[in-house]
PDB file of N, CA and C in Angstrom:
ATOM      1  N   MET A   1     150.705   5.064  76.790  1.00  0.00           N
ATOM      2  CA  MET A   1     150.386   6.451  77.055  1.00  0.00           C
ATOM      3  C   MET A   1     151.332   7.334  76.264  1.00  0.00           C
ATOM      4  N   ARG A   2     150.782   8.410  75.779  1.00  0.00           N
ATOM      5  CA  ARG A   2     151.591   9.324  74.985  1.00  0.00           C
ATOM      6  C   ARG A   2     151.522  10.711  75.612  1.00  0.00           C
ATOM      7  N   LEU A   3     152.692  11.225  75.942  1.00  0.00           N
ATOM      8  CA  LEU A   3     152.789  12.515  76.614  1.00  0.00           C
ATOM      9  C   LEU A   3     152.130  13.653  75.831  1.00  0.00           C
ATOM     10  N   PRO A   4     152.292  13.752  74.511  1.00  0.00           N
ATOM     11  CA  PRO A   4     151.626  14.852  73.799  1.00  0.00           C
ATOM     12  C   PRO A   4     150.096  14.812  73.929  1.00  0.00           C
ATOM     13  N   ILE A   5     149.533  13.618  73.951  1.00  0.00           N
ATOM     14  CA  ILE A   5     148.076  13.507  74.105  1.00  0.00           C
ATOM     15  C   ILE A   5     147.671  13.888  75.522  1.00  0.00           C
ATOM     16  N   ILE A   6     148.448  13.462  76.496  1.00  0.00           N
ATOM     17  CA  ILE A   6     148.156  13.819  77.887  1.00  0.00           C
ATOM     18  C   ILE A   6     148.239  15.328  78.067  1.00  0.00           C
ATOM     19  N   LYS A   7     149.277  15.948  77.520  1.00  0.00           N
ATOM     20  CA  LYS A   7     149.408  17.412  77.600  1.00  0.00           C
ATOM     21  C   LYS A   7     148.199  18.102  76.982  1.00  0.00           C
ATOM     22  N   HIS A   8     147.787  17.625  75.827  1.00  0.00           N
ATOM     23  CA  HIS A   8     146.653  18.229  75.118  1.00  0.00           C
ATOM     24  C   HIS A   8     145.366  18.082  75.943  1.00  0.00           C
ATOM     25  N   ALA A   9     145.190  16.922  76.565  1.00  0.00           N
ATOM     26  CA  ALA A   9     144.013  16.715  77.411  1.00  0.00           C
ATOM     27  C   ALA A   9     144.067  17.589  78.658  1.00  0.00           C
ATOM     28  N   VAL A  10     145.261  17.789  79.222  1.00  0.00           N
ATOM     29  CA  VAL A  10     145.403  18.690  80.376  1.00  0.00           C
ATOM     30  C   VAL A  10     145.035  20.117  79.966  1.00  0.00           C
ATOM     31  N   ASP A  11     145.457  20.534  78.784  1.00  0.00           N
ATOM     32  CA  ASP A  11     145.065  21.849  78.266  1.00  0.00           C
ATOM     33  C   ASP A  11     143.541  21.971  78.221  1.00  0.00           C
ATOM     34  N   PHE A  12     142.885  20.914  77.735  1.00  0.00           N
ATOM     35  CA  PHE A  12     141.428  20.916  77.644  1.00  0.00           C
ATOM     36  C   PHE A  12     140.809  21.048  79.033  1.00  0.00           C
ATOM     37  N   ILE A  13     141.326  20.282  79.987  1.00  0.00           N
ATOM     38  CA  ILE A  13     140.798  20.329  81.357  1.00  0.00           C
ATOM     39  C   ILE A  13     140.944  21.736  81.928  1.00  0.00           C
ATOM     40  N   GLU A  14     142.110  22.344  81.720  1.00  0.00           N
ATOM     41  CA  GLU A  14     142.347  23.691  82.247  1.00  0.00           C
ATOM     42  C   GLU A  14     141.447  24.730  81.589  1.00  0.00           C
ATOM     43  N   ALA A  15     141.145  24.545  80.310  1.00  0.00           N
ATOM     44  CA  ALA A  15     140.306  25.499  79.586  1.00  0.00           C
ATOM     45  C   ALA A  15     138.818  25.269  79.842  1.00  0.00           C
ATOM     46  N   ASN A  16     138.458  24.059  80.205  1.00  0.00           N
ATOM     47  CA  ASN A  16     137.048  23.722  80.364  1.00  0.00           C
ATOM     48  C   ASN A  16     136.779  23.212  81.772  1.00  0.00           C
ATOM     49  N   ASP A  17     136.723  21.916  81.911  1.00  0.00           N
ATOM     50  CA  ASP A  17     136.393  21.313  83.197  1.00  0.00           C
ATOM     51  C   ASP A  17     136.752  19.835  83.134  1.00  0.00           C
ATOM     52  N   GLU A  18     137.221  19.290  84.232  1.00  0.00           N
ATOM     53  CA  GLU A  18     137.603  17.882  84.226  1.00  0.00           C
ATOM     54  C   GLU A  18     136.398  16.951  84.121  1.00  0.00           C
ATOM     55  N   ASP A  19     135.209  17.451  84.421  1.00  0.00           N
ATOM     56  CA  ASP A  19     134.007  16.619  84.289  1.00  0.00           C
ATOM     57  C   ASP A  19     133.818  16.121  82.860  1.00  0.00           C
ATOM     58  N   TRP A  20     134.211  16.933  81.890  1.00  0.00           N
ATOM     59  CA  TRP A  20     134.104  16.521  80.488  1.00  0.00           C
ATOM     60  C   TRP A  20     134.938  15.273  80.235  1.00  0.00           C
ATOM     61  N   VAL A  21     136.111  15.225  80.833  1.00  0.00           N
ATOM     62  CA  VAL A  21     136.999  14.075  80.631  1.00  0.00           C
ATOM     63  C   VAL A  21     136.432  12.843  81.341  1.00  0.00           C
ATOM     64  N   HIS A  22     135.902  13.040  82.553  1.00  0.00           N
ATOM     65  CA  HIS A  22     135.270  11.921  83.251  1.00  0.00           C
ATOM     66  C   HIS A  22     134.115  11.350  82.426  1.00  0.00           C
ATOM     67  N   GLU A  23     133.315  12.219  81.854  1.00  0.00           N
ATOM     68  CA  GLU A  23     132.183  11.770  81.037  1.00  0.00           C
ATOM     69  C   GLU A  23     132.661  11.096  79.752  1.00  0.00           C
ATOM     70  N   SER A  24     133.742  11.582  79.187  1.00  0.00           N
ATOM     71  CA  SER A  24     134.308  10.950  77.984  1.00  0.00           C
ATOM     72  C   SER A  24     134.798   9.543  78.299  1.00  0.00           C
ATOM     73  N   ILE A  25     135.413   9.376  79.461  1.00  0.00           N
ATOM     74  CA  ILE A  25     135.873   8.049  79.886  1.00  0.00           C
ATOM     75  C   ILE A  25     134.677   7.116  80.050  1.00  0.00           C
ATOM     76  N   GLU A  26     133.602   7.625  80.661  1.00  0.00           N
ATOM     77  CA  GLU A  26     132.400   6.798  80.817  1.00  0.00           C
ATOM     78  C   GLU A  26     131.856   6.356  79.459  1.00  0.00           C
ATOM     79  N   LEU A  27     131.847   7.271  78.497  1.00  0.00           N
ATOM     80  CA  LEU A  27     131.371   6.930  77.165  1.00  0.00           C
ATOM     81  C   LEU A  27     132.274   5.870  76.521  1.00  0.00           C
ATOM     82  N   LEU A  28     133.578   6.040  76.642  1.00  0.00           N
ATOM     83  CA  LEU A  28     134.503   5.057  76.070  1.00  0.00           C
ATOM     84  C   LEU A  28     134.334   3.690  76.723  1.00  0.00           C
ATOM     85  N   GLU A  29     134.118   3.664  78.046  1.00  0.00           N
ATOM     86  CA  GLU A  29     133.879   2.390  78.729  1.00  0.00           C
ATOM     87  C   GLU A  29     132.621   1.724  78.175  1.00  0.00           C
ATOM     88  N   HIS A  30     131.601   2.515  77.955  1.00  0.00           N
ATOM     89  CA  HIS A  30     130.355   1.986  77.401  1.00  0.00           C
ATOM     90  C   HIS A  30     130.578   1.467  75.980  1.00  0.00           C
ATOM     91  N   MET A  31     131.312   2.217  75.180  1.00  0.00           N
ATOM     92  CA  MET A  31     131.575   1.818  73.796  1.00  0.00           C
ATOM     93  C   MET A  31     132.392   0.534  73.727  1.00  0.00           C
ATOM     94  N   ALA A  32     133.254   0.320  74.699  1.00  0.00           N
ATOM     95  CA  ALA A  32     134.088  -0.881  74.707  1.00  0.00           C
ATOM     96  C   ALA A  32     133.252  -2.148  74.849  1.00  0.00           C
ATOM     97  N   ASP A  33     132.038  -2.022  75.345  1.00  0.00           N
ATOM     98  CA  ASP A  33     131.147  -3.168  75.490  1.00  0.00           C
ATOM     99  C   ASP A  33     130.338  -3.458  74.233  1.00  0.00           C
ATOM    100  N   ALA A  34     130.469  -2.638  73.203  1.00  0.00           N
ATOM    101  CA  ALA A  34     129.688  -2.814  71.975  1.00  0.00           C
ATOM    102  C   ALA A  34     130.076  -4.120  71.290  1.00  0.00           C
ATOM    103  N   LYS A  35     129.080  -4.780  70.753  1.00  0.00           N
ATOM    104  CA  LYS A  35     129.333  -6.024  70.034  1.00  0.00           C
ATOM    105  C   LYS A  35     129.996  -5.731  68.694  1.00  0.00           C
ATOM    106  N   GLY A  36     130.848  -6.621  68.284  1.00  0.00           N
ATOM    107  CA  GLY A  36     131.452  -6.515  66.963  1.00  0.00           C
ATOM    108  C   GLY A  36     132.686  -5.644  66.866  1.00  0.00           C
ATOM    109  N   LEU A  37     133.187  -5.155  67.991  1.00  0.00           N
ATOM    110  CA  LEU A  37     134.409  -4.352  67.931  1.00  0.00           C
ATOM    111  C   LEU A  37     135.607  -5.241  67.626  1.00  0.00           C
ATOM    112  N   LYS A  38     136.484  -4.755  66.796  1.00  0.00           N
ATOM    113  CA  LYS A  38     137.718  -5.473  66.478  1.00  0.00           C
ATOM    114  C   LYS A  38     138.735  -5.210  67.577  1.00  0.00           C
ATOM    115  N   ASP A  39     139.735  -6.075  67.643  1.00  0.00           N
ATOM    116  CA  ASP A  39     140.785  -5.919  68.649  1.00  0.00           C
ATOM    117  C   ASP A  39     141.474  -4.560  68.549  1.00  0.00           C
ATOM    118  N   GLU A  40     141.735  -4.119  67.334  1.00  0.00           N
ATOM    119  CA  GLU A  40     142.409  -2.831  67.146  1.00  0.00           C
ATOM    120  C   GLU A  40     141.557  -1.677  67.686  1.00  0.00           C
ATOM    121  N   GLU A  41     140.253  -1.800  67.503  1.00  0.00           N
ATOM    122  CA  GLU A  41     139.344  -0.758  67.998  1.00  0.00           C
ATOM    123  C   GLU A  41     139.326  -0.733  69.525  1.00  0.00           C
ATOM    124  N   LEU A  42     139.322  -1.909  70.131  1.00  0.00           N
ATOM    125  CA  LEU A  42     139.376  -1.976  71.594  1.00  0.00           C
ATOM    126  C   LEU A  42     140.692  -1.416  72.120  1.00  0.00           C
ATOM    127  N   GLU A  43     141.782  -1.698  71.418  1.00  0.00           N
ATOM    128  CA  GLU A  43     143.085  -1.158  71.817  1.00  0.00           C
ATOM    129  C   GLU A  43     143.078   0.368  71.748  1.00  0.00           C
ATOM    130  N   THR A  44     142.473   0.911  70.713  1.00  0.00           N
ATOM    131  CA  THR A  44     142.398   2.362  70.567  1.00  0.00           C
ATOM    132  C   THR A  44     141.574   2.985  71.694  1.00  0.00           C
ATOM    133  N   ILE A  45     140.455   2.373  72.010  1.00  0.00           N
ATOM    134  CA  ILE A  45     139.618   2.867  73.109  1.00  0.00           C
ATOM    135  C   ILE A  45     140.396   2.807  74.414  1.00  0.00           C
ATOM    136  N   GLY A  46     141.092   1.703  74.651  1.00  0.00           N
ATOM    137  CA  GLY A  46     141.895   1.561  75.868  1.00  0.00           C
ATOM    138  C   GLY A  46     143.010   2.589  75.949  1.00  0.00           C
ATOM    139  N   GLU A  47     143.648   2.866  74.828  1.00  0.00           N
ATOM    140  CA  GLU A  47     144.721   3.863  74.794  1.00  0.00           C
ATOM    141  C   GLU A  47     144.175   5.254  75.105  1.00  0.00           C
ATOM    142  N   LEU A  48     143.036   5.594  74.533  1.00  0.00           N
ATOM    143  CA  LEU A  48     142.414   6.888  74.828  1.00  0.00           C
ATOM    144  C   LEU A  48     142.067   6.997  76.309  1.00  0.00           C
ATOM    145  N   MET A  49     141.499   5.942  76.849  1.00  0.00           N
ATOM    146  CA  MET A  49     141.145   5.962  78.273  1.00  0.00           C
ATOM    147  C   MET A  49     142.389   6.129  79.148  1.00  0.00           C
ATOM    148  N   SER A  50     143.453   5.430  78.815  1.00  0.00           N
ATOM    149  CA  SER A  50     144.698   5.557  79.582  1.00  0.00           C
ATOM    150  C   SER A  50     145.228   6.984  79.553  1.00  0.00           C
ATOM    151  N   ASN A  51     145.182   7.590  78.387  1.00  0.00           N
ATOM    152  CA  ASN A  51     145.658   8.968  78.271  1.00  0.00           C
ATOM    153  C   ASN A  51     144.767   9.933  79.051  1.00  0.00           C
ATOM    154  N   PHE A  52     143.458   9.709  79.018  1.00  0.00           N
ATOM    155  CA  PHE A  52     142.544  10.578  79.773  1.00  0.00           C
ATOM    156  C   PHE A  52     142.762  10.422  81.273  1.00  0.00           C
ATOM    157  N   TYR A  53     142.913   9.184  81.737  1.00  0.00           N
ATOM    158  CA  TYR A  53     143.204   8.984  83.163  1.00  0.00           C
ATOM    159  C   TYR A  53     144.535   9.635  83.540  1.00  0.00           C
ATOM    160  N   GLY A  54     145.522   9.531  82.664  1.00  0.00           N
ATOM    161  CA  GLY A  54     146.803  10.183  82.917  1.00  0.00           C
ATOM    162  C   GLY A  54     146.664  11.688  83.015  1.00  0.00           C
ATOM    163  N   ALA A  55     145.878  12.269  82.128  1.00  0.00           N
ATOM    164  CA  ALA A  55     145.650  13.720  82.151  1.00  0.00           C
ATOM    165  C   ALA A  55     144.975  14.136  83.452  1.00  0.00           C
ATOM    166  N   LEU A  56     144.038  13.332  83.930  1.00  0.00           N
ATOM    167  CA  LEU A  56     143.378  13.653  85.202  1.00  0.00           C
ATOM    168  C   LEU A  56     144.369  13.603  86.364  1.00  0.00           C
ATOM    169  N   GLU A  57     145.274  12.625  86.342  1.00  0.00           N
ATOM    170  CA  GLU A  57     146.297  12.531  87.387  1.00  0.00           C
ATOM    171  C   GLU A  57     147.233  13.741  87.358  1.00  0.00           C
ATOM    172  N   VAL A  58     147.654  14.122  86.171  1.00  0.00           N
ATOM    173  CA  VAL A  58     148.546  15.277  86.034  1.00  0.00           C
ATOM    174  C   VAL A  58     147.827  16.542  86.493  1.00  0.00           C
ATOM    175  N   HIS A  59     146.580  16.695  86.086  1.00  0.00           N
ATOM    176  CA  HIS A  59     145.806  17.872  86.487  1.00  0.00           C
ATOM    177  C   HIS A  59     145.646  17.936  88.007  1.00  0.00           C
ATOM    178  N   LYS A  60     145.427  16.780  88.615  1.00  0.00           N
ATOM    179  CA  LYS A  60     145.310  16.705  90.080  1.00  0.00           C
ATOM    180  C   LYS A  60     146.600  17.193  90.747  1.00  0.00           C
ATOM    181  N   ALA A  61     147.738  16.774  90.215  1.00  0.00           N
ATOM    182  CA  ALA A  61     149.031  17.205  90.767  1.00  0.00           C
ATOM    183  C   ALA A  61     149.229  18.709  90.581  1.00  0.00           C
ATOM    184  N   ILE A  62     148.821  19.222  89.431  1.00  0.00           N
ATOM    185  CA  ILE A  62     148.945  20.656  89.172  1.00  0.00           C
ATOM    186  C   ILE A  62     148.076  21.445  90.155  1.00  0.00           C
ATOM    187  N   LYS A  63     146.848  20.965  90.385  1.00  0.00           N
ATOM    188  CA  LYS A  63     145.951  21.631  91.335  1.00  0.00           C
ATOM    189  C   LYS A  63     146.529  21.618  92.743  1.00  0.00           C
ATOM    190  N   ALA A  64     147.318  20.588  93.054  1.00  0.00           N
ATOM    191  CA  ALA A  64     147.928  20.466  94.373  1.00  0.00           C
ATOM    192  C   ALA A  64     149.168  21.353  94.518  1.00  0.00           C
ATOM    193  N   GLY A  65     149.556  22.027  93.420  1.00  0.00           N
ATOM    194  CA  GLY A  65     150.668  22.963  93.498  1.00  0.00           C
ATOM    195  C   GLY A  65     151.935  22.545  92.780  1.00  0.00           C
ATOM    196  N   THR A  66     151.946  21.381  92.171  1.00  0.00           N
ATOM    197  CA  THR A  66     153.121  20.946  91.432  1.00  0.00           C
ATOM    198  C   THR A  66     153.167  21.691  90.097  1.00  0.00           C
ATOM    199  N   PRO A  67     154.318  22.270  89.740  1.00  0.00           N
ATOM    200  CA  PRO A  67     154.415  22.926  88.429  1.00  0.00           C
ATOM    201  C   PRO A  67     154.090  21.938  87.306  1.00  0.00           C
ATOM    202  N   ARG A  68     153.475  22.446  86.251  1.00  0.00           N
ATOM    203  CA  ARG A  68     152.981  21.616  85.154  1.00  0.00           C
ATOM    204  C   ARG A  68     154.042  20.666  84.591  1.00  0.00           C
ATOM    205  N   LYS A  69     155.207  21.196  84.251  1.00  0.00           N
ATOM    206  CA  LYS A  69     156.261  20.372  83.651  1.00  0.00           C
ATOM    207  C   LYS A  69     156.694  19.274  84.617  1.00  0.00           C
ATOM    208  N   GLU A  70     156.818  19.627  85.884  1.00  0.00           N
ATOM    209  CA  GLU A  70     157.218  18.650  86.892  1.00  0.00           C
ATOM    210  C   GLU A  70     156.134  17.578  87.076  1.00  0.00           C
ATOM    211  N   ALA A  71     154.875  17.992  87.064  1.00  0.00           N
ATOM    212  CA  ALA A  71     153.772  17.039  87.211  1.00  0.00           C
ATOM    213  C   ALA A  71     153.769  16.046  86.050  1.00  0.00           C
ATOM    214  N   LEU A  72     153.982  16.547  84.837  1.00  0.00           N
ATOM    215  CA  LEU A  72     154.042  15.675  83.664  1.00  0.00           C
ATOM    216  C   LEU A  72     155.211  14.702  83.762  1.00  0.00           C
ATOM    217  N   ASN A  73     156.381  15.214  84.137  1.00  0.00           N
ATOM    218  CA  ASN A  73     157.572  14.360  84.249  1.00  0.00           C
ATOM    219  C   ASN A  73     157.408  13.301  85.335  1.00  0.00           C
ATOM    220  N   GLN A  74     156.872  13.706  86.488  1.00  0.00           N
ATOM    221  CA  GLN A  74     156.666  12.751  87.576  1.00  0.00           C
ATOM    222  C   GLN A  74     155.696  11.649  87.167  1.00  0.00           C
ATOM    223  N   PHE A  75     154.642  12.042  86.475  1.00  0.00           N
ATOM    224  CA  PHE A  75     153.665  11.047  86.039  1.00  0.00           C
ATOM    225  C   PHE A  75     154.306  10.046  85.086  1.00  0.00           C
ATOM    226  N   MET A  76     155.039  10.538  84.103  1.00  0.00           N
ATOM    227  CA  MET A  76     155.653   9.643  83.127  1.00  0.00           C
ATOM    228  C   MET A  76     156.721   8.763  83.781  1.00  0.00           C
ATOM    229  N   GLU A  77     157.439   9.276  84.768  1.00  0.00           N
ATOM    230  CA  GLU A  77     158.404   8.457  85.499  1.00  0.00           C
ATOM    231  C   GLU A  77     157.711   7.305  86.222  1.00  0.00           C
ATOM    232  N   ARG A  78     156.538   7.590  86.813  1.00  0.00           N
ATOM    233  CA  ARG A  78     155.769   6.526  87.480  1.00  0.00           C
ATOM    234  C   ARG A  78     155.317   5.475  86.476  1.00  0.00           C
ATOM    235  N   VAL A  79     154.878   5.931  85.298  1.00  0.00           N
ATOM    236  CA  VAL A  79     154.414   4.996  84.266  1.00  0.00           C
ATOM    237  C   VAL A  79     155.561   4.113  83.810  1.00  0.00           C
ATOM    238  N   VAL A  80     156.691   4.724  83.494  1.00  0.00           N
ATOM    239  CA  VAL A  80     157.846   3.952  83.032  1.00  0.00           C
ATOM    240  C   VAL A  80     158.334   3.020  84.141  1.00  0.00           C
ATOM    241  N   GLY A  81     158.321   3.504  85.382  1.00  0.00           N
ATOM    242  CA  GLY A  81     158.743   2.665  86.506  1.00  0.00           C
ATOM    243  C   GLY A  81     157.843   1.471  86.716  1.00  0.00           C
ATOM    244  N   SER A  82     156.566   1.641  86.460  1.00  0.00           N
ATOM    245  CA  SER A  82     155.634   0.523  86.650  1.00  0.00           C
ATOM    246  C   SER A  82     155.760  -0.516  85.537  1.00  0.00           C
ATOM    247  N   ILE A  83     156.248  -0.101  84.381  1.00  0.00           N
ATOM    248  CA  ILE A  83     156.435  -1.025  83.263  1.00  0.00           C
ATOM    249  C   ILE A  83     157.669  -1.895  83.504  1.00  0.00           C
ATOM    250  N   ASN A  84     158.703  -1.274  84.044  1.00  0.00           N
ATOM    251  CA  ASN A  84     159.946  -2.019  84.307  1.00  0.00           C
ATOM    252  C   ASN A  84     159.721  -2.838  85.522  1.00  0.00           C
TER     253      ASN A  84
END
């Protein structure tokens, strides 16, 4: 997951609607089932999906009243904590 991409996706959600991101995730899931995809392509699709899911989590925290910067930091702390 990359914080700049998550931030950019959160900006998109705030300017538009989170339904667009949900639909984008559905499309990426569908594309991942395509025959003939290379490993690198699947990794890219997975990375995009991870960032979109992260943006939705951050947006959810912001809607619940957490300041944007704090929501981003808390999310990334959870991600790093789950890796360790």
